PDB file of N, CA and C in Angstrom:
ATOM      1  N   MET A   1      18.466  34.049  14.736  1.00  0.00           N
ATOM      2  CA  MET A   1      19.289  33.122  14.101  1.00  0.00           C
ATOM      3  C   MET A   1      18.911  31.314  14.073  1.00  0.00           C
ATOM      4  N   ALA A   2      19.545  31.213  15.441  1.00  0.00           N
ATOM      5  CA  ALA A   2      18.375  29.631  14.954  1.00  0.00           C
ATOM      6  C   ALA A   2      17.437  29.363  14.617  1.00  0.00           C
ATOM      7  N   LYS A   3      16.702  30.319  14.579  1.00  0.00           N
ATOM      8  CA  LYS A   3      15.181  30.070  13.384  1.00  0.00           C
ATOM      9  C   LYS A   3      15.184  29.980  12.554  1.00  0.00           C
ATOM     10  N   ALA A   4      15.989  30.750  11.422  1.00  0.00           N
ATOM     11  CA  ALA A   4      16.411  31.143  10.284  1.00  0.00           C
ATOM     12  C   ALA A   4      17.498  29.155   9.941  1.00  0.00           C
ATOM     13  N   ILE A   5      18.495  28.601  10.522  1.00  0.00           N
ATOM     14  CA  ILE A   5      18.809  27.492  11.113  1.00  0.00           C
ATOM     15  C   ILE A   5      17.733  26.632  10.079  1.00  0.00           C
ATOM     16  N   ASN A   6      17.065  26.710  11.152  1.00  0.00           N
ATOM     17  CA  ASN A   6      15.990  26.311  11.494  1.00  0.00           C
ATOM     18  C   ASN A   6      14.878  25.595  10.384  1.00  0.00           C
ATOM     19  N   LEU A   7      14.160  26.572  10.053  1.00  0.00           N
ATOM     20  CA  LEU A   7      13.817  26.755   8.303  1.00  0.00           C
ATOM     21  C   LEU A   7      14.537  26.350   7.628  1.00  0.00           C
ATOM     22  N   SER A   8      15.920  26.649   7.619  1.00  0.00           N
ATOM     23  CA  SER A   8      16.688  26.392   5.816  1.00  0.00           C
ATOM     24  C   SER A   8      16.147  24.683   6.333  1.00  0.00           C
ATOM     25  N   PHE A   9      17.040  23.307   7.259  1.00  0.00           N
ATOM     26  CA  PHE A   9      17.479  22.959   7.054  1.00  0.00           C
ATOM     27  C   PHE A   9      16.049  21.625   7.778  1.00  0.00           C
ATOM     28  N   PHE A  10      14.845  22.674   7.326  1.00  0.00           N
ATOM     29  CA  PHE A  10      12.985  21.744   7.200  1.00  0.00           C
ATOM     30  C   PHE A  10      12.958  21.922   5.627  1.00  0.00           C
ATOM     31  N   LEU A  11      13.479  23.016   5.066  1.00  0.00           N
ATOM     32  CA  LEU A  11      13.102  22.639   3.535  1.00  0.00           C
ATOM     33  C   LEU A  11      14.081  21.871   2.903  1.00  0.00           C
ATOM     34  N   SER A  12      14.907  21.845   2.715  1.00  0.00           N
ATOM     35  CA  SER A  12      16.445  21.217   2.352  1.00  0.00           C
ATOM     36  C   SER A  12      15.355  19.326   3.135  1.00  0.00           C
ATOM     37  N   PHE A  13      15.171  19.243   3.637  1.00  0.00           N
ATOM     38  CA  PHE A  13      14.596  18.625   4.230  1.00  0.00           C
ATOM     39  C   PHE A  13      13.570  17.728   3.805  1.00  0.00           C
ATOM     40  N   PHE A  14      11.885  19.122   3.964  1.00  0.00           N
ATOM     41  CA  PHE A  14      10.651  18.656   2.793  1.00  0.00           C
ATOM     42  C   PHE A  14      11.577  18.174   1.872  1.00  0.00           C
ATOM     43  N   LEU A  15      12.086  18.647   0.987  1.00  0.00           N
ATOM     44  CA  LEU A  15      12.196  18.778  -0.942  1.00  0.00           C
ATOM     45  C   LEU A  15      13.394  17.828  -1.282  1.00  0.00           C
ATOM     46  N   SER A  16      14.435  16.175  -0.201  1.00  0.00           N
ATOM     47  CA  SER A  16      14.719  15.450  -0.576  1.00  0.00           C
ATOM     48  C   SER A  16      13.797  14.925  -0.330  1.00  0.00           C
ATOM     49  N   PHE A  17      12.513  15.305   0.146  1.00  0.00           N
ATOM     50  CA  PHE A  17      11.719  13.766   1.210  1.00  0.00           C
ATOM     51  C   PHE A  17       9.539  14.197   0.357  1.00  0.00           C
ATOM     52  N   PHE A  18       9.849  15.173  -0.721  1.00  0.00           N
ATOM     53  CA  PHE A  18       8.819  15.620  -1.753  1.00  0.00           C
ATOM     54  C   PHE A  18       8.515  14.899  -2.271  1.00  0.00           C
ATOM     55  N   PRO A  19       9.664  14.163  -3.048  1.00  0.00           N
ATOM     56  CA  PRO A  19       9.516  13.498  -4.502  1.00  0.00           C
ATOM     57  C   PRO A  19       8.850  12.347  -4.055  1.00  0.00           C
ATOM     58  N   PHE A  20       9.473  11.356  -2.775  1.00  0.00           N
ATOM     59  CA  PHE A  20       8.613  10.280  -2.211  1.00  0.00           C
ATOM     60  C   PHE A  20       7.379  10.911  -1.879  1.00  0.00           C
ATOM     61  N   PHE A  21       6.613  11.937  -1.402  1.00  0.00           N
ATOM     62  CA  PHE A  21       5.211  12.049  -1.101  1.00  0.00           C
ATOM     63  C   PHE A  21       4.570  11.871  -1.697  1.00  0.00           C
ATOM     64  N   LEU A  22       4.881  12.737  -2.859  1.00  0.00           N
ATOM     65  CA  LEU A  22       4.554  13.118  -4.793  1.00  0.00           C
ATOM     66  C   LEU A  22       4.139  11.780  -4.731  1.00  0.00           C
ATOM     67  N   LEU A  23       4.755  10.876  -5.165  1.00  0.00           N
ATOM     68  CA  LEU A  23       4.447   9.001  -5.360  1.00  0.00           C
ATOM     69  C   LEU A  23       4.322   8.931  -4.120  1.00  0.00           C
ATOM     70  N   LEU A  24       3.705   8.939  -3.168  1.00  0.00           N
ATOM     71  CA  LEU A  24       2.871   8.186  -2.183  1.00  0.00           C
ATOM     72  C   LEU A  24       1.878   8.740  -2.472  1.00  0.00           C
ATOM     73  N   GLU A  25       1.488   9.751  -2.490  1.00  0.00           N
ATOM     74  CA  GLU A  25       0.326  10.663  -3.209  1.00  0.00           C
ATOM     75  C   GLU A  25      -0.840   9.887  -4.757  1.00  0.00           C
ATOM     76  N   LYS A  26       0.629  10.348  -5.313  1.00  0.00           N
ATOM     77  CA  LYS A  26      -0.579   9.451  -6.418  1.00  0.00           C
ATOM     78  C   LYS A  26      -0.935   7.902  -6.616  1.00  0.00           C
ATOM     79  N   ARG A  27       0.215   7.631  -5.806  1.00  0.00           N
ATOM     80  CA  ARG A  27      -0.455   5.931  -5.712  1.00  0.00           C
ATOM     81  C   ARG A  27      -1.780   5.943  -4.644  1.00  0.00           C
ATOM     82  N   LEU A  28      -2.044   6.228  -4.007  1.00  0.00           N
ATOM     83  CA  LEU A  28      -2.880   6.619  -2.926  1.00  0.00           C
ATOM     84  C   LEU A  28      -4.432   7.418  -3.944  1.00  0.00           C
ATOM     85  N   SER A  29      -4.248   8.289  -4.874  1.00  0.00           N
ATOM     86  CA  SER A  29      -5.597   8.764  -5.600  1.00  0.00           C
ATOM     87  C   SER A  29      -5.605   7.878  -6.350  1.00  0.00           C
ATOM     88  N   SER A  30      -4.771   7.285  -7.425  1.00  0.00           N
ATOM     89  CA  SER A  30      -4.913   6.523  -8.827  1.00  0.00           C
ATOM     90  C   SER A  30      -5.092   4.952  -8.457  1.00  0.00           C
ATOM     91  N   ARG A  31      -6.217   4.523  -7.017  1.00  0.00           N
ATOM     92  CA  ARG A  31      -7.046   3.123  -7.070  1.00  0.00           C
ATOM     93  C   ARG A  31      -7.572   2.945  -8.459  1.00  0.00           C
ATOM     94  N   GLY A  32      -8.114   3.783  -8.855  1.00  0.00           N
ATOM     95  CA  GLY A  32      -9.650   3.872  -9.280  1.00  0.00           C
ATOM     96  C   GLY A  32      -8.351   3.251 -11.260  1.00  0.00           C
ATOM     97  N   LYS A  33      -7.064   4.064 -11.046  1.00  0.00           N
ATOM     98  CA  LYS A  33      -6.455   4.451 -12.573  1.00  0.00           C
ATOM     99  C   LYS A  33      -6.152   3.214 -12.549  1.00  0.00           C
ATOM    100  N   THR A  34      -5.341   3.531 -14.464  1.00  0.00           N
ATOM    101  CA  THR A  34      -5.026   2.315 -14.762  1.00  0.00           C
ATOM    102  C   THR A  34      -3.399   2.471 -14.071  1.00  0.00           C
ATOM    103  N   ILE A  35      -2.675   3.303 -13.393  1.00  0.00           N
ATOM    104  CA  ILE A  35      -1.349   3.709 -13.039  1.00  0.00           C
ATOM    105  C   ILE A  35      -1.761   3.563 -11.847  1.00  0.00           C
ATOM    106  N   ALA A  36      -0.554   2.175 -11.033  1.00  0.00           N
ATOM    107  CA  ALA A  36      -0.438   2.649  -9.737  1.00  0.00           C
ATOM    108  C   ALA A  36       0.480   2.334  -8.617  1.00  0.00           C
ATOM    109  N   TYR A  37       1.369   3.104  -8.054  1.00  0.00           N
ATOM    110  CA  TYR A  37       1.881   2.483  -7.601  1.00  0.00           C
ATOM    111  C   TYR A  37       2.630   1.425  -6.521  1.00  0.00           C
ATOM    112  N   GLN A  38       3.463   0.949  -5.988  1.00  0.00           N
ATOM    113  CA  GLN A  38       3.065  -0.314  -5.129  1.00  0.00           C
ATOM    114  C   GLN A  38       4.389  -0.488  -4.774  1.00  0.00           C
ATOM    115  N   PRO A  39       5.289  -0.031  -3.067  1.00  0.00           N
ATOM    116  CA  PRO A  39       6.230  -0.449  -2.545  1.00  0.00           C
ATOM    117  C   PRO A  39       6.583  -1.873  -2.984  1.00  0.00           C
ATOM    118  N   ARG A  40       7.367  -2.247  -3.116  1.00  0.00           N
ATOM    119  CA  ARG A  40       7.730  -3.986  -3.570  1.00  0.00           C
ATOM    120  C   ARG A  40       9.467  -3.777  -2.365  1.00  0.00           C
ATOM    121  N   TYR A  41       9.778  -4.842  -1.989  1.00  0.00           N
ATOM    122  CA  TYR A  41      10.541  -5.143  -0.986  1.00  0.00           C
ATOM    123  C   TYR A  41      11.331  -6.133  -1.123  1.00  0.00           C
ATOM    124  N   ASN A  42      13.023  -5.221  -1.744  1.00  0.00           N
ATOM    125  CA  ASN A  42      13.853  -5.325  -2.056  1.00  0.00           C
ATOM    126  C   ASN A  42      14.865  -6.367  -1.650  1.00  0.00           C
ATOM    127  N   ASP A  43      15.420  -7.039  -1.613  1.00  0.00           N
ATOM    128  CA  ASP A  43      16.451  -7.989  -1.042  1.00  0.00           C
ATOM    129  C   ASP A  43      17.469  -7.400   0.325  1.00  0.00           C
ATOM    130  N   VAL A  44      16.851  -6.739  -0.106  1.00  0.00           N
ATOM    131  CA  VAL A  44      18.211  -5.640   1.470  1.00  0.00           C
ATOM    132  C   VAL A  44      16.611  -5.066   2.407  1.00  0.00           C
ATOM    133  N   GLY A  45      15.768  -5.076   1.976  1.00  0.00           N
ATOM    134  CA  GLY A  45      15.226  -5.081   3.044  1.00  0.00           C
ATOM    135  C   GLY A  45      14.179  -3.189   2.915  1.00  0.00           C
ATOM    136  N   SER A  46      14.931  -2.926   1.090  1.00  0.00           N
ATOM    137  CA  SER A  46      14.230  -0.814   1.615  1.00  0.00           C
ATOM    138  C   SER A  46      14.042  -1.886   1.080  1.00  0.00           C
ATOM    139  N   ILE A  47      12.389  -0.214   0.543  1.00  0.00           N
ATOM    140  CA  ILE A  47      11.647   0.090   0.052  1.00  0.00           C
ATOM    141  C   ILE A  47      11.618   0.897  -1.409  1.00  0.00           C
ATOM    142  N   GLU A  48      11.658  -0.534  -2.427  1.00  0.00           N
ATOM    143  CA  GLU A  48      11.636   0.015  -4.032  1.00  0.00           C
ATOM    144  C   GLU A  48       9.801   0.530  -4.521  1.00  0.00           C
ATOM    145  N   LEU A  49       9.964   1.889  -5.272  1.00  0.00           N
ATOM    146  CA  LEU A  49       8.314   1.545  -5.781  1.00  0.00           C
ATOM    147  C   LEU A  49       8.788   1.358  -7.486  1.00  0.00           C
ATOM    148  N   GLN A  50       7.773   1.008  -7.056  1.00  0.00           N
ATOM    149  CA  GLN A  50       7.574  -0.407  -7.969  1.00  0.00           C
ATOM    150  C   GLN A  50       6.179   0.223  -9.786  1.00  0.00           C
ATOM    151  N   ARG A  51       6.436   0.327  -9.997  1.00  0.00           N
ATOM    152  CA  ARG A  51       5.296   1.199 -11.276  1.00  0.00           C
ATOM    153  C   ARG A  51       4.592   0.246 -11.866  1.00  0.00           C
ATOM    154  N   GLU A  52       3.493   0.009 -11.723  1.00  0.00           N
ATOM    155  CA  GLU A  52       2.056  -1.295 -11.908  1.00  0.00           C
ATOM    156  C   GLU A  52       1.857  -0.318 -13.368  1.00  0.00           C
ATOM    157  N   LEU A  53       1.555  -0.885 -14.702  1.00  0.00           N
ATOM    158  CA  LEU A  53       0.652  -0.465 -16.119  1.00  0.00           C
ATOM    159  C   LEU A  53      -0.359  -1.729 -16.238  1.00  0.00           C
TER     160      LEU A  53
END
């Protein structure tokens, strides 16, 4: 039972961070392309993903 709870927690954790990983991978794989995602630090200090065209 503990394994099932662990697995569901891991799945929710992974799904919540999946778009960020997708953006990061797109940014890393598109170095030679026109669209690049770069992290930008706002006033609060958190990272905003800024899309550069």
